[in-house]
Structure formats: C-alpha cells, structure tokens
Amino acid sequence: LLSQLEPLTALLQLVVERFYAGATVFGPALCEVASVASKPMVSRKTSDMLQFGECQPAYISAIVAAMGAALPPQDEPPDDPEARKERDAVAARNEKIRIAIAHMLASWARFGLVEETFET
C-alpha cells in the first residue's frame, strides 16, 4: 500500500545498513521486498498517490543501495573445496538480490512513478 511506503522505507534502510555490515541473513528479505515492490502500488483512496507518492524516490534509493553490498566476489576462487563452495553460495545469493532489485526497477519503469517527486 502506498500509505505504508514511508515506514517501509525506514525499515528497508535499516535492513540495507545491516546487510552492508555483514548480516547476510537479510539477503532473502531484500529479495522478498524487491519482489513485492515489483507489483504496482495499491491505493486505498484516490488521494493516496498525492499524499504518499513523494515517498517513492526514497524507497527506490533505499533498495538500490543494497546493490552495492550485493556485488559479486572480486577475489580469486580459493583452492579449498569448502571455501570455494561458500564463496559460490555468497555469489549466488548476491546475484539473486541484484536480479530481484533489477526486476523491481524494470517494473517501476514500466508502471511509472510520480514525476514531480524527483529533483532534477
């Protein structure tokens, strides 16, 4: 719901902050949030877009910030099979996060945002 976007943005900023700090447990949550946000926002009242639409850019900025923490590993694959397996799992999780966020952004691009809320 559009009316829930502002508190969700604050929560999302906290989740992204913790994910950056190494709390990888938030990876699946980021994917789920992006997946839900891929669907058009729902308004309960006609005025919801006018009242809460300005929260959309902050929400997008908050979730896009997660992409910086979900980069592919830059180091060389280790020789140890267990370490390689763990590195591959991190790479797969991060790729899933990036794909979910990219899909969300594509959906928002398709359905549009409130143009007046963006600063140029």
Protein backbone atom coordinates (compact mmCIF):
# COMPACT_ATOMS: atom_id res chain seq x y z
CA LEU A 1 0.00 0.00 0.00
CA LEU A 2 1.22 3.48 -0.77
CA SER A 3 0.29 4.58 2.74
CA GLN A 4 2.84 2.13 4.17
CA LEU A 5 5.71 3.24 1.96
CA GLU A 6 7.25 5.78 4.34
CA PRO A 7 7.66 3.43 7.34
CA LEU A 8 8.71 0.63 4.98
CA THR A 9 11.45 2.87 3.60
CA ALA A 10 12.83 3.48 7.10
CA LEU A 11 12.80 -0.25 7.80
CA LEU A 12 14.41 -1.00 4.46
CA GLN A 13 17.20 1.49 5.14
CA LEU A 14 17.93 -0.34 8.40
CA VAL A 15 17.94 -3.74 6.65
CA VAL A 16 20.32 -2.48 3.96
CA GLU A 17 22.58 -0.95 6.61
CA ARG A 18 22.75 -4.27 8.46
CA PHE A 19 23.31 -6.19 5.22
CA TYR A 20 26.26 -3.89 4.45
CA ALA A 21 27.59 -4.63 7.93
CA GLY A 22 27.67 -8.35 7.11
CA ALA A 23 24.30 -9.57 8.38
CA THR A 24 23.74 -11.86 5.40
CA VAL A 25 20.55 -13.18 6.97
CA PHE A 26 18.84 -10.11 5.46
CA GLY A 27 19.61 -11.23 1.89
CA PRO A 28 16.38 -13.22 1.43
CA ALA A 29 14.38 -10.36 2.98
CA LEU A 30 15.80 -7.94 0.41
CA CYS A 31 14.76 -10.31 -2.38
CA GLU A 32 11.24 -10.59 -0.98
CA VAL A 33 10.85 -6.84 -0.52
CA ALA A 34 12.01 -6.25 -4.11
CA SER A 35 9.66 -8.97 -5.36
CA VAL A 36 6.64 -7.45 -3.63
CA ALA A 37 7.63 -3.98 -4.79
CA SER A 38 7.70 -5.24 -8.39
CA LYS A 39 3.93 -5.18 -8.34
CA PRO A 40 2.03 -1.90 -8.79
CA MET A 41 1.45 0.05 -5.59
CA VAL A 42 -2.08 -0.10 -4.23
CA SER A 43 -4.05 2.97 -3.21
CA ARG A 44 -6.94 2.78 -0.78
CA LYS A 45 -8.06 6.30 -1.58
CA THR A 46 -7.77 8.41 -4.69
CA SER A 47 -5.60 10.89 -2.80
CA ASP A 48 -3.01 8.27 -1.74
CA MET A 49 -0.76 8.93 -4.73
CA LEU A 50 -0.80 12.65 -4.00
CA GLN A 51 -0.21 12.13 -0.31
CA PHE A 52 2.32 9.26 -0.34
CA GLY A 53 3.73 9.30 -3.88
CA GLU A 54 6.60 11.52 -2.81
CA CYS A 55 7.95 8.60 -0.74
CA GLN A 56 8.69 6.54 -3.86
CA PRO A 57 12.12 8.04 -4.71
CA ALA A 58 13.39 7.50 -1.14
CA TYR A 59 12.17 3.90 -1.28
CA ILE A 60 13.96 3.28 -4.58
CA SER A 61 17.15 4.86 -3.26
CA ALA A 62 17.00 2.68 -0.15
CA ILE A 63 16.65 -0.60 -2.01
CA VAL A 64 19.12 0.29 -4.77
CA ALA A 65 21.70 0.90 -2.04
CA ALA A 66 21.61 -2.84 -1.37
CA MET A 67 23.10 -3.49 -4.78
CA GLY A 68 26.42 -2.07 -3.59
CA ALA A 69 26.60 -4.70 -0.86
CA ALA A 70 25.49 -7.47 -3.21
CA LEU A 71 28.35 -7.23 -5.67
CA PRO A 72 29.95 -10.42 -6.97
CA PRO A 73 33.09 -11.52 -5.11
CA GLN A 74 36.19 -9.87 -6.55
CA ASP A 75 38.75 -12.25 -5.07
CA GLU A 76 40.12 -15.31 -6.79
CA PRO A 77 38.30 -18.57 -6.08
CA PRO A 78 40.06 -20.43 -3.25
CA ASP A 79 41.66 -23.83 -3.75
CA ASP A 80 39.89 -25.32 -0.73
CA PRO A 81 36.63 -27.00 -1.89
CA GLU A 82 34.69 -25.92 1.21
CA ALA A 83 35.82 -22.31 0.90
CA ARG A 84 35.00 -22.37 -2.81
CA LYS A 85 31.53 -23.74 -2.05
CA GLU A 86 30.91 -20.96 0.49
CA ARG A 87 32.18 -18.30 -1.95
CA ASP A 88 29.90 -19.67 -4.68
CA ALA A 89 26.91 -19.57 -2.29
CA VAL A 90 27.63 -15.91 -1.49
CA ALA A 91 27.96 -15.12 -5.20
CA ALA A 92 24.64 -16.86 -5.95
CA ARG A 93 22.84 -15.04 -3.10
CA ASN A 94 24.20 -11.68 -4.20
CA GLU A 95 23.22 -12.35 -7.80
CA LYS A 96 19.68 -13.23 -6.70
CA ILE A 97 19.46 -9.92 -4.80
CA ARG A 98 20.70 -7.91 -7.78
CA ILE A 99 18.27 -9.67 -10.13
CA ALA A 100 15.31 -9.06 -7.79
CA ILE A 101 16.15 -5.37 -7.48
CA ALA A 102 16.69 -5.01 -11.23
CA HIS A 103 13.31 -6.65 -11.86
CA MET A 104 11.69 -4.27 -9.40
CA LEU A 105 13.26 -1.26 -11.13
CA ALA A 106 12.11 -2.53 -14.53
CA SER A 107 8.58 -2.93 -13.19
CA TRP A 108 8.57 0.58 -11.74
CA ALA A 109 9.90 1.92 -15.04
CA ARG A 110 7.05 0.20 -16.83
CA PHE A 111 4.28 1.32 -14.48
CA GLY A 112 5.79 4.73 -13.76
CA LEU A 113 6.42 6.95 -10.77
CA VAL A 114 5.15 10.34 -9.76
CA GLU A 115 7.37 12.58 -11.88
CA GLU A 116 7.05 15.68 -9.68
CA THR A 117 8.73 13.94 -6.72
CA PHE A 118 12.14 13.71 -8.40
CA GLU A 119 14.64 16.53 -8.14
CA THR A 120 16.46 17.37 -11.35
